[in-house]
Amino acid sequence: MASKDNSAAVSFFSFQDIITSITGIMFLVVIMLVLMVLQQGPMKVQQKNREIQAELTALKKEMKQIREVLMQLRRQAAEQNRRIEELKKLRIETLPELKEKWIRQLQQIDNSIPKLEEENALVLQAQKEQIDRKKKSEILIARNQSRSSELQKQLAALNDEIRHREEQFNKIRNVIRFVWNKNNPKQPVLLECSGTEISVNSIDKSFPRKTFAMVNDNYADCLAFCRSFPSERVYFVLLLKPSAFSYGESLSEALKKAGFERGREILPDEQTLIAAEVRK
């Protein structure tokens, strides 16, 4: 069985000797400086005081450095003593087992290094793939934004076209197409009849539109204007709105007596208009 060593691990006698020697030297220097000051005049005394102060400052600084070195050495000694105490607790027979344990730990660390390197390579590959996907996504986003701009322009154009067609529809929704035969030598003249007025329209624009007010179903002015047309060249088409039913038949008979051919069309309401179309 190993004997226990009770001797001190670290001796501090040498450091104590150094401190004692430095202290004695400082006392000696101070005594010598005092003697020199007493032997010199006042001016030299002041100069010597300054020199002594400088030397004392330097000595204090050196002493502070020595104390810091001493504190560091004491800390190192304390750490060494702690390690020695830990080593003293170890038994020699346990050292091979402890050595094997540390070797196994080192082998495990060595074995884990390739795995960590492989994982790091996989992470780098994944980061590269993410960067590539990000670039592709940015390209797709730019293309989609360009396509979206084009589609928005097309949509705006379609909206304009729809609005234009709606405006056209609103204009013509109350319009009835009027078809007449171009081969007929006589030209049609349209009489749009309502309860308040009669409008005389020419298909070929040979005369401007004429409007005659109706008062108590009095269409004498309109009839006089119609008689100014040659019966061999024109015929009249009466476009009767519901409010004109009261005098439509008598107006047609009056035109017949005047020698004109005539036709009749019934309009569904007061807002309906006529659009002419030539039949070939």
C-alpha atoms as a PDB file:
ATOM      1  CA  MET A   1       0.000   0.000   0.000  1.00  0.00           C
ATOM      2  CA  ALA A   2       1.382   3.419  -0.949  1.00  0.00           C
ATOM      3  CA  SER A   3       2.382   5.682   1.932  1.00  0.00           C
ATOM      4  CA  LYS A   4       0.805   9.108   2.280  1.00  0.00           C
ATOM      5  CA  ASP A   5       3.096  12.058   1.638  1.00  0.00           C
ATOM      6  CA  ASN A   6       2.402  14.818   4.194  1.00  0.00           C
ATOM      7  CA  SER A   7       5.069  17.237   2.956  1.00  0.00           C
ATOM      8  CA  ALA A   8       4.016  20.698   1.674  1.00  0.00           C
ATOM      9  CA  ALA A   9       3.389  20.807  -2.043  1.00  0.00           C
ATOM     10  CA  VAL A  10       4.736  24.343  -2.603  1.00  0.00           C
ATOM     11  CA  SER A  11       7.024  26.422  -0.368  1.00  0.00           C
ATOM     12  CA  PHE A  12       6.647  30.220  -0.180  1.00  0.00           C
ATOM     13  CA  PHE A  13       9.825  30.887   1.878  1.00  0.00           C
ATOM     14  CA  SER A  14      11.720  32.165  -1.165  1.00  0.00           C
ATOM     15  CA  PHE A  15       9.007  34.761  -1.937  1.00  0.00           C
ATOM     16  CA  GLN A  16       8.981  35.919   1.676  1.00  0.00           C
ATOM     17  CA  ASP A  17      12.758  36.354   1.515  1.00  0.00           C
ATOM     18  CA  ILE A  18      12.380  38.473  -1.629  1.00  0.00           C
ATOM     19  CA  ILE A  19       9.769  40.719   0.000  1.00  0.00           C
ATOM     20  CA  THR A  20      11.883  41.087   3.168  1.00  0.00           C
ATOM     21  CA  SER A  21      15.000  41.925   1.161  1.00  0.00           C
ATOM     22  CA  ILE A  22      13.122  44.534  -0.938  1.00  0.00           C
ATOM     23  CA  THR A  23      11.675  46.126   2.212  1.00  0.00           C
ATOM     24  CA  GLY A  24      15.153  46.331   3.811  1.00  0.00           C
ATOM     25  CA  ILE A  25      16.587  47.853   0.654  1.00  0.00           C
ATOM     26  CA  MET A  26      13.809  50.458   0.565  1.00  0.00           C
ATOM     27  CA  PHE A  27      14.472  51.387   4.222  1.00  0.00           C
ATOM     28  CA  LEU A  28      18.196  51.684   3.467  1.00  0.00           C
ATOM     29  CA  VAL A  29      17.539  53.877   0.445  1.00  0.00           C
ATOM     30  CA  VAL A  30      15.173  56.095   2.441  1.00  0.00           C
ATOM     31  CA  ILE A  31      17.747  56.532   5.237  1.00  0.00           C
ATOM     32  CA  MET A  32      20.474  57.398   2.723  1.00  0.00           C
ATOM     33  CA  LEU A  33      18.192  59.923   1.007  1.00  0.00           C
ATOM     34  CA  VAL A  34      17.353  61.556   4.361  1.00  0.00           C
ATOM     35  CA  LEU A  35      21.021  61.861   5.229  1.00  0.00           C
ATOM     36  CA  MET A  36      21.788  63.365   1.827  1.00  0.00           C
ATOM     37  CA  VAL A  37      18.957  65.863   2.213  1.00  0.00           C
ATOM     38  CA  LEU A  38      20.187  66.944   5.631  1.00  0.00           C
ATOM     39  CA  GLN A  39      23.705  67.532   4.307  1.00  0.00           C
ATOM     40  CA  GLN A  40      22.639  69.695   1.280  1.00  0.00           C
ATOM     41  CA  GLY A  41      21.238  73.254   1.029  1.00  0.00           C
ATOM     42  CA  PRO A  42      17.594  74.239   0.617  1.00  0.00           C
ATOM     43  CA  MET A  43      17.677  74.355  -3.215  1.00  0.00           C
ATOM     44  CA  LYS A  44      19.345  71.029  -3.423  1.00  0.00           C
ATOM     45  CA  VAL A  45      16.903  69.746  -0.849  1.00  0.00           C
ATOM     46  CA  GLN A  46      13.956  70.593  -3.108  1.00  0.00           C
ATOM     47  CA  GLN A  47      15.667  69.036  -6.072  1.00  0.00           C
ATOM     48  CA  LYS A  48      16.470  65.973  -4.052  1.00  0.00           C
ATOM     49  CA  ASN A  49      12.858  65.856  -2.854  1.00  0.00           C
ATOM     50  CA  ARG A  50      11.670  65.760  -6.426  1.00  0.00           C
ATOM     51  CA  GLU A  51      14.166  63.054  -7.246  1.00  0.00           C
ATOM     52  CA  ILE A  52      13.174  61.140  -4.154  1.00  0.00           C
ATOM     53  CA  GLN A  53       9.501  61.465  -5.023  1.00  0.00           C
ATOM     54  CA  ALA A  54      10.202  60.155  -8.528  1.00  0.00           C
ATOM     55  CA  GLU A  55      12.222  57.281  -7.086  1.00  0.00           C
ATOM     56  CA  LEU A  56       9.515  56.540  -4.550  1.00  0.00           C
ATOM     57  CA  THR A  57       6.875  56.547  -7.312  1.00  0.00           C
ATOM     58  CA  ALA A  58       8.974  54.160  -9.345  1.00  0.00           C
ATOM     59  CA  LEU A  59       9.562  51.964  -6.311  1.00  0.00           C
ATOM     60  CA  LYS A  60       5.814  51.949  -5.502  1.00  0.00           C
ATOM     61  CA  LYS A  61       5.034  50.968  -9.071  1.00  0.00           C
ATOM     62  CA  GLU A  62       7.631  48.216  -8.948  1.00  0.00           C
ATOM     63  CA  MET A  63       6.287  47.073  -5.596  1.00  0.00           C
ATOM     64  CA  LYS A  64       2.747  46.965  -7.021  1.00  0.00           C
ATOM     65  CA  GLN A  65       3.973  44.856  -9.915  1.00  0.00           C
ATOM     66  CA  ILE A  66       5.746  42.519  -7.482  1.00  0.00           C
ATOM     67  CA  ARG A  67       2.541  42.167  -5.454  1.00  0.00           C
ATOM     68  CA  GLU A  68       0.540  41.351  -8.604  1.00  0.00           C
ATOM     69  CA  VAL A  69       3.123  38.709  -9.565  1.00  0.00           C
ATOM     70  CA  LEU A  70       2.946  37.335  -6.040  1.00  0.00           C
ATOM     71  CA  MET A  71      -0.876  37.163  -6.174  1.00  0.00           C
ATOM     72  CA  GLN A  72      -0.689  35.366  -9.488  1.00  0.00           C
ATOM     73  CA  LEU A  73       1.825  32.903  -8.104  1.00  0.00           C
ATOM     74  CA  ARG A  74      -0.424  32.327  -5.091  1.00  0.00           C
ATOM     75  CA  ARG A  75      -3.378  31.607  -7.351  1.00  0.00           C
ATOM     76  CA  GLN A  76      -1.290  29.198  -9.405  1.00  0.00           C
ATOM     77  CA  ALA A  77      -0.110  27.535  -6.212  1.00  0.00           C
ATOM     78  CA  ALA A  78      -3.694  27.191  -4.998  1.00  0.00           C
ATOM     79  CA  GLU A  79      -4.728  25.610  -8.308  1.00  0.00           C
ATOM     80  CA  GLN A  80      -1.757  23.261  -8.140  1.00  0.00           C
ATOM     81  CA  ASN A  81      -2.644  22.301  -4.570  1.00  0.00           C
ATOM     82  CA  ARG A  82      -6.215  21.581  -5.678  1.00  0.00           C
ATOM     83  CA  ARG A  83      -4.992  19.402  -8.527  1.00  0.00           C
ATOM     84  CA  ILE A  84      -2.577  17.638  -6.161  1.00  0.00           C
ATOM     85  CA  GLU A  85      -5.401  16.923  -3.745  1.00  0.00           C
ATOM     86  CA  GLU A  86      -7.486  15.506  -6.592  1.00  0.00           C
ATOM     87  CA  LEU A  87      -4.571  13.344  -7.734  1.00  0.00           C
ATOM     88  CA  LYS A  88      -3.996  12.148  -4.180  1.00  0.00           C
ATOM     89  CA  LYS A  89      -7.562  10.841  -4.113  1.00  0.00           C
ATOM     90  CA  LEU A  90      -6.901   8.695  -7.175  1.00  0.00           C
ATOM     91  CA  ARG A  91      -5.755   5.163  -6.662  1.00  0.00           C
ATOM     92  CA  ILE A  92      -3.109   3.664  -8.871  1.00  0.00           C
ATOM     93  CA  GLU A  93      -5.261   0.669  -9.716  1.00  0.00           C
ATOM     94  CA  THR A  94      -7.970   2.976 -11.141  1.00  0.00           C
ATOM     95  CA  LEU A  95      -5.635   4.773 -13.535  1.00  0.00           C
ATOM     96  CA  PRO A  96      -5.797   2.145 -16.339  1.00  0.00           C
ATOM     97  CA  GLU A  97      -9.594   2.205 -16.249  1.00  0.00           C
ATOM     98  CA  LEU A  98      -9.612   6.018 -16.274  1.00  0.00           C
ATOM     99  CA  LYS A  99      -7.160   5.978 -19.181  1.00  0.00           C
ATOM    100  CA  GLU A 100      -9.399   3.580 -21.115  1.00  0.00           C
ATOM    101  CA  LYS A 101     -12.403   5.811 -20.404  1.00  0.00           C
ATOM    102  CA  TRP A 102     -10.660   8.899 -21.765  1.00  0.00           C
ATOM    103  CA  ILE A 103      -9.430   6.938 -24.798  1.00  0.00           C
ATOM    104  CA  ARG A 104     -13.013   5.798 -25.505  1.00  0.00           C
ATOM    105  CA  GLN A 105     -14.252   9.384 -25.208  1.00  0.00           C
ATOM    106  CA  LEU A 106     -11.557  10.552 -27.627  1.00  0.00           C
ATOM    107  CA  GLN A 107     -12.446   7.749 -30.050  1.00  0.00           C
ATOM    108  CA  GLN A 108     -16.125   8.725 -29.870  1.00  0.00           C
ATOM    109  CA  ILE A 109     -15.191  12.328 -30.629  1.00  0.00           C
ATOM    110  CA  ASP A 110     -13.012  11.172 -33.546  1.00  0.00           C
ATOM    111  CA  ASN A 111     -15.822   8.970 -34.854  1.00  0.00           C
ATOM    112  CA  SER A 112     -18.350  11.800 -34.624  1.00  0.00           C
ATOM    113  CA  ILE A 113     -16.187  14.157 -36.699  1.00  0.00           C
ATOM    114  CA  PRO A 114     -16.926  12.465 -40.105  1.00  0.00           C
ATOM    115  CA  LYS A 115     -20.629  12.398 -39.266  1.00  0.00           C
ATOM    116  CA  LEU A 116     -20.547  16.087 -38.386  1.00  0.00           C
ATOM    117  CA  GLU A 117     -18.649  16.805 -41.602  1.00  0.00           C
ATOM    118  CA  GLU A 118     -21.273  14.850 -43.570  1.00  0.00           C
ATOM    119  CA  GLU A 119     -24.107  16.727 -41.854  1.00  0.00           C
ATOM    120  CA  ASN A 120     -22.325  20.005 -42.566  1.00  0.00           C
ATOM    121  CA  ALA A 121     -22.011  19.029 -46.250  1.00  0.00           C
ATOM    122  CA  LEU A 122     -25.729  18.178 -46.336  1.00  0.00           C
ATOM    123  CA  VAL A 123     -26.581  21.529 -44.729  1.00  0.00           C
ATOM    124  CA  LEU A 124     -24.430  23.355 -47.289  1.00  0.00           C
ATOM    125  CA  GLN A 125     -26.097  21.403 -50.121  1.00  0.00           C
ATOM    126  CA  ALA A 126     -29.548  22.213 -48.720  1.00  0.00           C
ATOM    127  CA  GLN A 127     -28.597  25.895 -48.472  1.00  0.00           C
ATOM    128  CA  LYS A 128     -27.391  25.838 -52.087  1.00  0.00           C
ATOM    129  CA  GLU A 129     -30.643  24.200 -53.208  1.00  0.00           C
ATOM    130  CA  GLN A 130     -32.653  26.782 -51.267  1.00  0.00           C
ATOM    131  CA  ILE A 131     -30.678  29.573 -52.948  1.00  0.00           C
ATOM    132  CA  ASP A 132     -31.351  28.004 -56.382  1.00  0.00           C
ATOM    133  CA  ARG A 133     -35.064  27.650 -55.570  1.00  0.00           C
ATOM    134  CA  LYS A 134     -35.135  31.244 -54.372  1.00  0.00           C
ATOM    135  CA  LYS A 135     -33.589  32.445 -57.638  1.00  0.00           C
ATOM    136  CA  LYS A 136     -36.072  30.369 -59.666  1.00  0.00           C
ATOM    137  CA  SER A 137     -38.939  31.700 -57.526  1.00  0.00           C
ATOM    138  CA  GLU A 138     -37.782  35.274 -58.095  1.00  0.00           C
ATOM    139  CA  ILE A 139     -37.647  34.623 -61.876  1.00  0.00           C
ATOM    140  CA  LEU A 140     -41.150  33.099 -61.782  1.00  0.00           C
ATOM    141  CA  ILE A 141     -42.430  36.010 -59.697  1.00  0.00           C
ATOM    142  CA  ALA A 142     -41.000  38.488 -62.213  1.00  0.00           C
ATOM    143  CA  ARG A 143     -42.591  36.555 -65.079  1.00  0.00           C
ATOM    144  CA  ASN A 144     -45.910  36.348 -63.243  1.00  0.00           C
ATOM    145  CA  GLN A 145     -45.805  40.064 -62.509  1.00  0.00           C
ATOM    146  CA  SER A 146     -45.131  40.774 -66.195  1.00  0.00           C
ATOM    147  CA  ARG A 147     -47.930  38.397 -67.205  1.00  0.00           C
ATOM    148  CA  SER A 148     -50.202  39.954 -64.584  1.00  0.00           C
ATOM    149  CA  SER A 149     -49.484  43.415 -66.020  1.00  0.00           C
ATOM    150  CA  GLU A 150     -50.317  42.161 -69.509  1.00  0.00           C
ATOM    151  CA  LEU A 151     -53.515  40.510 -68.260  1.00  0.00           C
ATOM    152  CA  GLN A 152     -54.492  43.679 -66.404  1.00  0.00           C
ATOM    153  CA  LYS A 153     -54.011  45.647 -69.619  1.00  0.00           C
ATOM    154  CA  GLN A 154     -56.095  43.103 -71.533  1.00  0.00           C
ATOM    155  CA  LEU A 155     -58.720  43.181 -68.776  1.00  0.00           C
ATOM    156  CA  ALA A 156     -58.815  46.983 -68.930  1.00  0.00           C
ATOM    157  CA  ALA A 157     -59.191  46.785 -72.719  1.00  0.00           C
ATOM    158  CA  LEU A 158     -62.003  44.237 -72.317  1.00  0.00           C
ATOM    159  CA  ASN A 159     -63.692  46.447 -69.743  1.00  0.00           C
ATOM    160  CA  ASP A 160     -63.480  49.372 -72.144  1.00  0.00           C
ATOM    161  CA  GLU A 161     -64.894  47.194 -74.921  1.00  0.00           C
ATOM    162  CA  ILE A 162     -67.713  45.970 -72.640  1.00  0.00           C
ATOM    163  CA  ARG A 163     -68.465  49.539 -71.583  1.00  0.00           C
ATOM    164  CA  HIS A 164     -68.472  50.646 -75.207  1.00  0.00           C
ATOM    165  CA  ARG A 165     -70.784  47.790 -76.178  1.00  0.00           C
ATOM    166  CA  GLU A 166     -73.053  48.572 -73.218  1.00  0.00           C
ATOM    167  CA  GLU A 167     -73.244  52.178 -74.362  1.00  0.00           C
ATOM    168  CA  GLN A 168     -74.083  51.002 -77.877  1.00  0.00           C
ATOM    169  CA  PHE A 169     -76.663  48.572 -76.498  1.00  0.00           C
ATOM    170  CA  ASN A 170     -78.222  51.307 -74.376  1.00  0.00           C
ATOM    171  CA  LYS A 171     -78.470  53.406 -77.501  1.00  0.00           C
ATOM    172  CA  ILE A 172     -80.018  50.735 -79.700  1.00  0.00           C
ATOM    173  CA  ARG A 173     -82.000  48.609 -77.233  1.00  0.00           C
ATOM    174  CA  ASN A 174     -85.117  50.671 -78.050  1.00  0.00           C
ATOM    175  CA  VAL A 175     -84.390  50.640 -81.799  1.00  0.00           C
ATOM    176  CA  ILE A 176     -86.330  48.444 -84.262  1.00  0.00           C
ATOM    177  CA  ARG A 177     -84.657  47.559 -87.540  1.00  0.00           C
ATOM    178  CA  PHE A 178     -86.660  48.718 -90.568  1.00  0.00           C
ATOM    179  CA  VAL A 179     -86.016  46.791 -93.792  1.00  0.00           C
ATOM    180  CA  TRP A 180     -87.042  48.059 -97.213  1.00  0.00           C
ATOM    181  CA  ASN A 181     -86.544  46.727-100.694  1.00  0.00           C
ATOM    182  CA  LYS A 182     -84.067  48.702-102.766  1.00  0.00           C
ATOM    183  CA  ASN A 183     -85.442  47.316-106.007  1.00  0.00           C
ATOM    184  CA  ASN A 184     -88.725  49.146-105.375  1.00  0.00           C
ATOM    185  CA  PRO A 185     -88.577  52.386-107.464  1.00  0.00           C
ATOM    186  CA  LYS A 186     -90.454  54.282-104.786  1.00  0.00           C
ATOM    187  CA  GLN A 187     -88.592  55.563-101.756  1.00  0.00           C
ATOM    188  CA  PRO A 188     -90.113  55.040 -98.319  1.00  0.00           C
ATOM    189  CA  VAL A 189     -90.909  58.002 -96.104  1.00  0.00           C
ATOM    190  CA  LEU A 190     -91.329  57.220 -92.398  1.00  0.00           C
ATOM    191  CA  LEU A 191     -94.026  58.800 -90.297  1.00  0.00           C
ATOM    192  CA  GLU A 192     -93.266  58.257 -86.610  1.00  0.00           C
ATOM    193  CA  CYS A 193     -96.596  58.907 -84.934  1.00  0.00           C
ATOM    194  CA  SER A 194     -97.161  59.514 -81.238  1.00  0.00           C
ATOM    195  CA  GLY A 195     -99.836  61.252 -79.209  1.00  0.00           C
ATOM    196  CA  THR A 196     -97.904  64.557 -79.156  1.00  0.00           C
ATOM    197  CA  GLU A 197     -96.162  64.754 -82.555  1.00  0.00           C
ATOM    198  CA  ILE A 198     -95.563  63.258 -85.974  1.00  0.00           C
ATOM    199  CA  SER A 199     -91.973  63.083 -87.308  1.00  0.00           C
ATOM    200  CA  VAL A 200     -91.402  62.755 -91.070  1.00  0.00           C
ATOM    201  CA  ASN A 201     -88.072  61.050 -91.919  1.00  0.00           C
ATOM    202  CA  SER A 202     -86.411  60.281 -95.226  1.00  0.00           C
ATOM    203  CA  ILE A 203     -84.419  57.053 -95.628  1.00  0.00           C
ATOM    204  CA  ASP A 204     -82.104  58.539 -98.258  1.00  0.00           C
ATOM    205  CA  LYS A 205     -81.724  61.893 -96.441  1.00  0.00           C
ATOM    206  CA  SER A 206     -83.322  63.723 -99.377  1.00  0.00           C
ATOM    207  CA  PHE A 207     -84.932  66.204 -96.975  1.00  0.00           C
ATOM    208  CA  PRO A 208     -84.348  67.109 -93.319  1.00  0.00           C
ATOM    209  CA  ARG A 209     -86.427  65.620 -90.536  1.00  0.00           C
ATOM    210  CA  LYS A 210     -89.706  67.451 -90.044  1.00  0.00           C
ATOM    211  CA  THR A 211     -91.772  67.342 -86.851  1.00  0.00           C
ATOM    212  CA  PHE A 212     -95.422  68.401 -86.533  1.00  0.00           C
ATOM    213  CA  ALA A 213     -97.131  68.925 -83.182  1.00  0.00           C
ATOM    214  CA  MET A 214    -100.380  67.097 -82.531  1.00  0.00           C
ATOM    215  CA  VAL A 215    -103.248  68.979 -80.808  1.00  0.00           C
ATOM    216  CA  ASN A 216    -106.535  67.101 -80.483  1.00  0.00           C
ATOM    217  CA  ASP A 217    -105.419  64.569 -83.124  1.00  0.00           C
ATOM    218  CA  ASN A 218    -105.063  67.370 -85.676  1.00  0.00           C
ATOM    219  CA  TYR A 219    -102.608  66.171 -88.327  1.00  0.00           C
ATOM    220  CA  ALA A 220    -103.612  68.645 -91.065  1.00  0.00           C
ATOM    221  CA  ASP A 221    -100.174  70.307 -91.267  1.00  0.00           C
ATOM    222  CA  CYS A 222     -98.451  66.948 -91.538  1.00  0.00           C
ATOM    223  CA  LEU A 223    -100.911  65.793 -94.221  1.00  0.00           C
ATOM    224  CA  ALA A 224    -100.339  68.977 -96.218  1.00  0.00           C
ATOM    225  CA  PHE A 225     -96.576  68.374 -96.094  1.00  0.00           C
ATOM    226  CA  CYS A 226     -97.023  64.751 -97.187  1.00  0.00           C
ATOM    227  CA  ARG A 227     -99.153  65.829-100.214  1.00  0.00           C
ATOM    228  CA  SER A 228     -96.155  67.852-101.459  1.00  0.00           C
ATOM    229  CA  PHE A 229     -94.402  64.565-102.377  1.00  0.00           C
ATOM    230  CA  PRO A 230     -95.054  62.946-105.791  1.00  0.00           C
ATOM    231  CA  SER A 231     -97.124  59.808-105.279  1.00  0.00           C
ATOM    232  CA  GLU A 232     -95.287  58.002-108.089  1.00  0.00           C
ATOM    233  CA  ARG A 233     -91.914  58.362-106.312  1.00  0.00           C
ATOM    234  CA  VAL A 234     -92.607  57.850-102.593  1.00  0.00           C
ATOM    235  CA  TYR A 235     -94.774  55.793-100.324  1.00  0.00           C
ATOM    236  CA  PHE A 236     -95.405  56.303 -96.638  1.00  0.00           C
ATOM    237  CA  VAL A 237     -94.843  53.916 -93.742  1.00  0.00           C
ATOM    238  CA  LEU A 238     -96.782  54.778 -90.603  1.00  0.00           C
ATOM    239  CA  LEU A 239     -94.906  53.831 -87.435  1.00  0.00           C
ATOM    240  CA  LEU A 240     -97.626  53.936 -84.824  1.00  0.00           C
ATOM    241  CA  LYS A 241     -96.782  54.190 -81.153  1.00  0.00           C
ATOM    242  CA  PRO A 242     -99.532  53.250 -78.653  1.00  0.00           C
ATOM    243  CA  SER A 243    -100.489  56.885 -78.081  1.00  0.00           C
ATOM    244  CA  ALA A 244    -101.140  57.349 -81.848  1.00  0.00           C
ATOM    245  CA  PHE A 245    -103.728  54.574 -82.209  1.00  0.00           C
ATOM    246  CA  SER A 246    -106.575  57.102 -81.961  1.00  0.00           C
ATOM    247  CA  TYR A 247    -105.741  58.793 -85.271  1.00  0.00           C
ATOM    248  CA  GLY A 248    -103.528  56.278 -87.068  1.00  0.00           C
ATOM    249  CA  GLU A 249    -106.323  54.710 -89.104  1.00  0.00           C
ATOM    250  CA  SER A 250    -107.767  58.039 -90.248  1.00  0.00           C
ATOM    251  CA  LEU A 251    -104.299  59.310 -91.234  1.00  0.00           C
ATOM    252  CA  SER A 252    -103.735  56.179 -93.309  1.00  0.00           C
ATOM    253  CA  GLU A 253    -107.105  56.676 -95.079  1.00  0.00           C
ATOM    254  CA  ALA A 254    -106.270  60.334 -95.774  1.00  0.00           C
ATOM    255  CA  LEU A 255    -102.969  59.327 -97.419  1.00  0.00           C
ATOM    256  CA  LYS A 256    -104.775  56.678 -99.429  1.00  0.00           C
ATOM    257  CA  LYS A 257    -107.252  59.275-100.743  1.00  0.00           C
ATOM    258  CA  ALA A 258    -104.285  61.473-101.657  1.00  0.00           C
ATOM    259  CA  GLY A 259    -103.046  58.673-103.933  1.00  0.00           C
ATOM    260  CA  PHE A 260    -100.114  57.368-101.821  1.00  0.00           C
ATOM    261  CA  GLU A 261     -99.212  53.795-101.051  1.00  0.00           C
ATOM    262  CA  ARG A 262     -98.723  53.254 -97.354  1.00  0.00           C
ATOM    263  CA  GLY A 263     -97.821  50.633 -94.862  1.00  0.00           C
ATOM    264  CA  ARG A 264     -98.133  50.381 -91.108  1.00  0.00           C
ATOM    265  CA  GLU A 265     -95.882  49.185 -88.284  1.00  0.00           C
ATOM    266  CA  ILE A 266     -96.902  49.001 -84.648  1.00  0.00           C
ATOM    267  CA  LEU A 267     -94.193  50.094 -82.208  1.00  0.00           C
ATOM    268  CA  PRO A 268     -94.242  48.345 -78.777  1.00  0.00           C
ATOM    269  CA  ASP A 269     -93.789  51.500 -76.661  1.00  0.00           C
ATOM    270  CA  GLU A 270     -93.194  55.239 -76.772  1.00  0.00           C
ATOM    271  CA  GLN A 271     -89.386  54.982 -76.484  1.00  0.00           C
ATOM    272  CA  THR A 272     -88.788  52.722 -79.474  1.00  0.00           C
ATOM    273  CA  LEU A 273     -86.855  54.163 -82.434  1.00  0.00           C
ATOM    274  CA  ILE A 274     -86.372  52.990 -86.007  1.00  0.00           C
ATOM    275  CA  ALA A 275     -83.103  51.978 -87.676  1.00  0.00           C
ATOM    276  CA  ALA A 276     -83.301  51.679 -91.462  1.00  0.00           C
ATOM    277  CA  GLU A 277     -81.619  48.902 -93.447  1.00  0.00           C
ATOM    278  CA  VAL A 278     -81.599  48.385 -97.194  1.00  0.00           C
ATOM    279  CA  ARG A 279     -82.624  44.968 -98.462  1.00  0.00           C
ATOM    280  CA  LYS A 280     -80.724  44.018-101.642  1.00  0.00           C
END
